[in-house]
Amino acid sequence: MSRIATYLLVGALRRRVEAAGGQAMVLARGEAMGGGVLVLLLDRGDRPRFVEPGLGSDGKRAMIATGPAECDSQGADSYWRRRRQYDPDLWVIEIDVPDGERFAAETILPG
C-alpha cells in the first residue's frame, strides 16, 4: 500500500476544516513526503489539546491524545515547539472547528 504524502494530507485537512466554517493554520511545516502530523485542536480559540496518529487500545490506527492534559495557549505553543526541536520533520496544524478530532481522523488516518 502506498502512503499519501504528508503535505497532501495536511492540505486536505485544512481545506475540509475551512469548508466546514472552521479555521485551520499550519504552524510548522515538516518533511513533505513522510513527516509526522501533530494536530492542535481548539474550541473557539480556547481549551487547546493535541492529537496525533498512533495505535489505539484495540491495536488499530487512531488519533491519540498527546501533550499536556490541560494548558493555555502559551503552554500549547511551548509543547509543539519542544516536539519540533526533537523532530524537525513534524508538521503542526492548528484547527478550530467543532468535532475537530473527527476531521483529523477522517483526513489523516488511512481509510
N, C-alpha and C. Protein backbone atom coordinates (compact mmCIF):
# COMPACT_ATOMS: atom_id res chain seq x y z
N MET A 1 0.85 -1.17 0.00
CA MET A 1 0.00 0.00 0.00
C MET A 1 0.90 1.24 0.00
N SER A 2 0.66 2.16 -0.93
CA SER A 2 1.46 3.38 -0.96
C SER A 2 0.90 4.39 0.03
N ARG A 3 1.78 5.21 0.53
CA ARG A 3 1.41 6.19 1.54
C ARG A 3 1.21 7.55 0.87
N ILE A 4 0.19 8.27 1.30
CA ILE A 4 -0.07 9.60 0.76
C ILE A 4 0.90 10.58 1.40
N ALA A 5 1.45 11.47 0.60
CA ALA A 5 2.40 12.46 1.09
C ALA A 5 1.78 13.31 2.18
N THR A 6 2.55 13.61 3.20
CA THR A 6 2.06 14.36 4.35
C THR A 6 1.54 15.73 3.96
N TYR A 7 2.23 16.41 3.06
CA TYR A 7 1.77 17.75 2.69
C TYR A 7 0.38 17.72 2.05
N LEU A 8 0.04 16.63 1.36
CA LEU A 8 -1.29 16.49 0.78
C LEU A 8 -2.35 16.27 1.88
N LEU A 9 -2.01 15.44 2.87
CA LEU A 9 -2.95 15.20 3.97
C LEU A 9 -3.22 16.48 4.77
N VAL A 10 -2.15 17.22 5.06
CA VAL A 10 -2.30 18.47 5.82
C VAL A 10 -3.13 19.47 5.01
N GLY A 11 -2.87 19.58 3.73
CA GLY A 11 -3.64 20.49 2.88
C GLY A 11 -5.11 20.10 2.82
N ALA A 12 -5.38 18.80 2.72
CA ALA A 12 -6.76 18.32 2.69
C ALA A 12 -7.47 18.62 4.00
N LEU A 13 -6.78 18.41 5.12
CA LEU A 13 -7.37 18.71 6.42
C LEU A 13 -7.70 20.19 6.52
N ARG A 14 -6.78 21.02 6.12
CA ARG A 14 -7.01 22.47 6.17
C ARG A 14 -8.22 22.87 5.33
N ARG A 15 -8.32 22.35 4.12
CA ARG A 15 -9.45 22.69 3.25
C ARG A 15 -10.77 22.19 3.80
N ARG A 16 -10.79 20.98 4.36
CA ARG A 16 -12.03 20.42 4.93
C ARG A 16 -12.52 21.25 6.11
N VAL A 17 -11.60 21.63 6.98
CA VAL A 17 -11.96 22.43 8.15
C VAL A 17 -12.52 23.77 7.71
N GLU A 18 -11.86 24.42 6.77
CA GLU A 18 -12.31 25.73 6.30
C GLU A 18 -13.64 25.63 5.57
N ALA A 19 -13.86 24.54 4.82
CA ALA A 19 -15.13 24.35 4.13
C ALA A 19 -16.28 24.16 5.12
N ALA A 20 -15.97 23.66 6.31
CA ALA A 20 -16.99 23.45 7.35
C ALA A 20 -17.19 24.71 8.20
N GLY A 21 -16.53 25.81 7.83
CA GLY A 21 -16.68 27.05 8.57
C GLY A 21 -15.69 27.24 9.70
N GLY A 22 -14.73 26.33 9.83
CA GLY A 22 -13.72 26.45 10.87
C GLY A 22 -12.48 27.16 10.37
N GLN A 23 -11.49 27.20 11.22
CA GLN A 23 -10.22 27.82 10.86
C GLN A 23 -9.11 26.78 10.99
N ALA A 24 -8.15 26.86 10.09
CA ALA A 24 -7.01 25.95 10.12
C ALA A 24 -5.76 26.71 9.72
N MET A 25 -4.67 26.41 10.41
CA MET A 25 -3.42 27.09 10.11
C MET A 25 -2.26 26.11 10.33
N VAL A 26 -1.37 26.07 9.37
CA VAL A 26 -0.16 25.27 9.51
C VAL A 26 0.81 26.09 10.35
N LEU A 27 1.14 25.58 11.54
CA LEU A 27 2.06 26.27 12.44
C LEU A 27 3.51 25.95 12.12
N ALA A 28 3.75 24.74 11.60
CA ALA A 28 5.11 24.33 11.25
C ALA A 28 5.03 23.29 10.13
N ARG A 29 5.84 23.49 9.12
CA ARG A 29 5.93 22.54 8.00
C ARG A 29 7.05 21.55 8.30
N GLY A 30 6.73 20.30 8.08
CA GLY A 30 7.71 19.25 8.28
C GLY A 30 8.16 18.68 6.95
N GLU A 31 8.65 17.47 6.97
CA GLU A 31 9.11 16.79 5.77
C GLU A 31 7.89 16.52 4.88
N ALA A 32 7.95 16.95 3.64
CA ALA A 32 6.80 16.95 2.75
C ALA A 32 6.21 15.56 2.49
N MET A 33 7.05 14.57 2.34
CA MET A 33 6.56 13.26 1.94
C MET A 33 6.19 12.36 3.12
N GLY A 34 6.95 12.42 4.20
CA GLY A 34 6.72 11.43 5.25
C GLY A 34 6.78 11.94 6.67
N GLY A 35 6.70 13.25 6.87
CA GLY A 35 6.74 13.77 8.23
C GLY A 35 5.50 13.39 9.02
N GLY A 36 5.65 13.33 10.33
CA GLY A 36 4.51 13.07 11.20
C GLY A 36 3.63 14.31 11.29
N VAL A 37 2.42 14.13 11.86
CA VAL A 37 1.47 15.22 11.98
C VAL A 37 1.00 15.33 13.43
N LEU A 38 1.11 16.51 13.98
CA LEU A 38 0.61 16.84 15.31
C LEU A 38 -0.50 17.86 15.11
N VAL A 39 -1.70 17.57 15.62
CA VAL A 39 -2.85 18.44 15.42
C VAL A 39 -3.19 19.12 16.75
N LEU A 40 -3.22 20.44 16.71
CA LEU A 40 -3.64 21.23 17.86
C LEU A 40 -5.11 21.55 17.66
N LEU A 41 -5.95 21.02 18.54
CA LEU A 41 -7.40 21.23 18.47
C LEU A 41 -7.78 22.38 19.38
N LEU A 42 -8.59 23.28 18.86
CA LEU A 42 -9.12 24.38 19.66
C LEU A 42 -10.63 24.36 19.62
N ASP A 43 -11.24 24.92 20.64
CA ASP A 43 -12.69 25.07 20.69
C ASP A 43 -12.98 26.56 20.82
N ARG A 44 -13.27 27.20 19.66
CA ARG A 44 -13.48 28.65 19.60
C ARG A 44 -12.28 29.41 20.19
N GLY A 45 -11.11 28.96 19.83
CA GLY A 45 -9.88 29.61 20.26
C GLY A 45 -9.46 29.29 21.68
N ASP A 46 -10.15 28.36 22.33
CA ASP A 46 -9.89 28.05 23.73
C ASP A 46 -9.66 26.55 23.91
N ARG A 47 -9.23 26.18 25.09
CA ARG A 47 -9.01 24.79 25.50
C ARG A 47 -8.15 23.99 24.52
N PRO A 48 -6.91 24.39 24.33
CA PRO A 48 -6.04 23.67 23.40
C PRO A 48 -5.75 22.25 23.89
N ARG A 49 -5.73 21.34 22.94
CA ARG A 49 -5.32 19.96 23.21
C ARG A 49 -4.75 19.39 21.92
N PHE A 50 -3.97 18.33 22.07
CA PHE A 50 -3.26 17.77 20.93
C PHE A 50 -3.68 16.33 20.66
N VAL A 51 -3.68 15.96 19.38
CA VAL A 51 -3.85 14.58 18.95
C VAL A 51 -2.87 14.32 17.82
N GLU A 52 -2.51 13.04 17.68
CA GLU A 52 -1.64 12.63 16.58
C GLU A 52 -1.93 11.17 16.25
N PRO A 53 -1.63 10.75 15.03
CA PRO A 53 -1.87 9.36 14.67
C PRO A 53 -1.04 8.41 15.53
N GLY A 54 -1.63 7.31 15.90
CA GLY A 54 -0.95 6.29 16.69
C GLY A 54 -1.82 5.04 16.73
N LEU A 55 -1.48 4.14 17.61
CA LEU A 55 -2.26 2.91 17.77
C LEU A 55 -3.21 3.07 18.96
N GLY A 56 -4.48 2.77 18.73
CA GLY A 56 -5.47 2.82 19.79
C GLY A 56 -5.39 1.59 20.66
N SER A 57 -6.23 1.53 21.67
CA SER A 57 -6.22 0.39 22.60
C SER A 57 -6.62 -0.91 21.91
N ASP A 58 -7.31 -0.81 20.76
CA ASP A 58 -7.70 -2.01 20.01
C ASP A 58 -6.64 -2.43 18.99
N GLY A 59 -5.51 -1.71 18.96
CA GLY A 59 -4.43 -2.05 18.05
C GLY A 59 -4.59 -1.46 16.66
N LYS A 60 -5.66 -0.70 16.43
CA LYS A 60 -5.89 -0.08 15.13
C LYS A 60 -5.43 1.38 15.16
N ARG A 61 -5.11 1.91 13.98
CA ARG A 61 -4.69 3.31 13.89
C ARG A 61 -5.83 4.22 14.36
N ALA A 62 -5.46 5.22 15.15
CA ALA A 62 -6.43 6.17 15.70
C ALA A 62 -5.72 7.47 16.00
N MET A 63 -6.49 8.51 16.23
CA MET A 63 -5.93 9.77 16.70
C MET A 63 -5.81 9.65 18.21
N ILE A 64 -4.60 9.78 18.72
CA ILE A 64 -4.28 9.57 20.13
C ILE A 64 -4.04 10.92 20.79
N ALA A 65 -4.64 11.11 21.97
CA ALA A 65 -4.38 12.33 22.74
C ALA A 65 -2.92 12.33 23.18
N THR A 66 -2.29 13.47 23.07
CA THR A 66 -0.89 13.61 23.44
C THR A 66 -0.68 14.99 24.05
N GLY A 67 0.47 15.22 24.61
CA GLY A 67 0.77 16.54 25.17
C GLY A 67 0.18 16.75 26.54
N PRO A 68 0.23 17.98 27.02
CA PRO A 68 -0.29 18.28 28.36
C PRO A 68 -1.79 18.07 28.43
N ALA A 69 -2.26 17.54 29.57
CA ALA A 69 -3.70 17.29 29.74
C ALA A 69 -4.47 18.60 29.71
N GLU A 70 -3.95 19.62 30.36
CA GLU A 70 -4.57 20.94 30.33
C GLU A 70 -3.47 21.98 30.19
N CYS A 71 -3.72 22.93 29.31
CA CYS A 71 -2.75 24.01 29.14
C CYS A 71 -3.45 25.22 28.54
N ASP A 72 -2.77 26.33 28.58
CA ASP A 72 -3.26 27.53 27.91
C ASP A 72 -2.55 27.65 26.57
N SER A 73 -2.80 28.73 25.85
CA SER A 73 -2.19 28.87 24.53
C SER A 73 -0.67 28.94 24.61
N GLN A 74 -0.13 29.54 25.66
CA GLN A 74 1.33 29.61 25.82
C GLN A 74 1.91 28.22 26.07
N GLY A 75 1.23 27.41 26.89
CA GLY A 75 1.68 26.05 27.15
C GLY A 75 1.61 25.19 25.91
N ALA A 76 0.56 25.38 25.11
CA ALA A 76 0.42 24.63 23.86
C ALA A 76 1.55 25.00 22.90
N ASP A 77 1.84 26.29 22.80
CA ASP A 77 2.92 26.75 21.94
C ASP A 77 4.26 26.15 22.36
N SER A 78 4.52 26.16 23.65
CA SER A 78 5.77 25.59 24.17
C SER A 78 5.87 24.10 23.86
N TYR A 79 4.75 23.39 24.00
CA TYR A 79 4.76 21.94 23.77
C TYR A 79 5.14 21.61 22.32
N TRP A 80 4.41 22.22 21.36
CA TRP A 80 4.72 21.83 19.99
C TRP A 80 6.09 22.31 19.55
N ARG A 81 6.58 23.41 20.07
CA ARG A 81 7.93 23.86 19.72
C ARG A 81 9.00 22.91 20.27
N ARG A 82 8.77 22.38 21.48
CA ARG A 82 9.71 21.38 22.02
C ARG A 82 9.69 20.13 21.16
N ARG A 83 8.51 19.69 20.75
CA ARG A 83 8.42 18.50 19.89
C ARG A 83 9.19 18.71 18.59
N ARG A 84 9.10 19.89 18.02
CA ARG A 84 9.80 20.19 16.77
C ARG A 84 11.32 20.20 16.95
N GLN A 85 11.79 20.55 18.15
CA GLN A 85 13.23 20.51 18.39
C GLN A 85 13.76 19.09 18.24
N TYR A 86 12.98 18.11 18.66
CA TYR A 86 13.39 16.70 18.60
C TYR A 86 12.99 16.03 17.30
N ASP A 87 12.01 16.61 16.60
CA ASP A 87 11.54 16.02 15.35
C ASP A 87 11.27 17.14 14.34
N PRO A 88 12.30 17.63 13.66
CA PRO A 88 12.11 18.73 12.71
C PRO A 88 11.27 18.34 11.49
N ASP A 89 11.01 17.05 11.30
CA ASP A 89 10.17 16.60 10.19
C ASP A 89 8.68 16.71 10.52
N LEU A 90 8.35 17.03 11.76
CA LEU A 90 6.97 17.06 12.24
C LEU A 90 6.19 18.26 11.70
N TRP A 91 5.01 17.99 11.17
CA TRP A 91 4.07 19.03 10.79
C TRP A 91 3.20 19.35 12.00
N VAL A 92 2.88 20.61 12.19
CA VAL A 92 1.97 21.02 13.26
C VAL A 92 0.87 21.85 12.62
N ILE A 93 -0.37 21.40 12.79
CA ILE A 93 -1.51 22.13 12.24
C ILE A 93 -2.51 22.41 13.35
N GLU A 94 -2.96 23.64 13.40
CA GLU A 94 -3.95 24.07 14.39
C GLU A 94 -5.30 24.13 13.69
N ILE A 95 -6.31 23.48 14.30
CA ILE A 95 -7.65 23.56 13.73
C ILE A 95 -8.64 23.99 14.82
N ASP A 96 -9.56 24.83 14.42
CA ASP A 96 -10.60 25.33 15.32
C ASP A 96 -11.92 25.12 14.62
N VAL A 97 -12.56 24.01 14.94
CA VAL A 97 -13.82 23.62 14.32
C VAL A 97 -14.51 22.64 15.27
N PRO A 98 -15.83 22.68 15.37
CA PRO A 98 -16.50 21.67 16.20
C PRO A 98 -16.16 20.26 15.71
N ASP A 99 -15.92 19.36 16.64
CA ASP A 99 -15.59 17.97 16.34
C ASP A 99 -14.30 17.84 15.52
N GLY A 100 -13.31 18.66 15.88
CA GLY A 100 -12.05 18.69 15.15
C GLY A 100 -11.32 17.35 15.12
N GLU A 101 -11.45 16.58 16.19
CA GLU A 101 -10.78 15.28 16.22
C GLU A 101 -11.31 14.37 15.12
N ARG A 102 -12.60 14.44 14.86
CA ARG A 102 -13.21 13.64 13.78
C ARG A 102 -12.63 14.07 12.43
N PHE A 103 -12.55 15.38 12.19
CA PHE A 103 -11.97 15.87 10.94
C PHE A 103 -10.55 15.34 10.77
N ALA A 104 -9.76 15.41 11.82
CA ALA A 104 -8.38 14.95 11.76
C ALA A 104 -8.32 13.46 11.46
N ALA A 105 -9.12 12.67 12.15
CA ALA A 105 -9.10 11.22 11.96
C ALA A 105 -9.53 10.85 10.53
N GLU A 106 -10.61 11.45 10.05
CA GLU A 106 -11.11 11.12 8.73
C GLU A 106 -10.13 11.51 7.62
N THR A 107 -9.36 12.53 7.85
CA THR A 107 -8.46 13.02 6.81
C THR A 107 -7.07 12.38 6.88
N ILE A 108 -6.55 12.22 8.07
CA ILE A 108 -5.15 11.79 8.23
C ILE A 108 -4.99 10.27 8.29
N LEU A 109 -5.94 9.58 8.90
CA LEU A 109 -5.81 8.13 9.05
C LEU A 109 -6.21 7.42 7.77
N PRO A 110 -5.54 6.30 7.47
CA PRO A 110 -5.92 5.53 6.27
C PRO A 110 -7.33 5.01 6.38
N GLY A 111 -8.03 5.02 5.24
CA GLY A 111 -9.43 4.63 5.20
C GLY A 111 -9.69 3.23 4.99
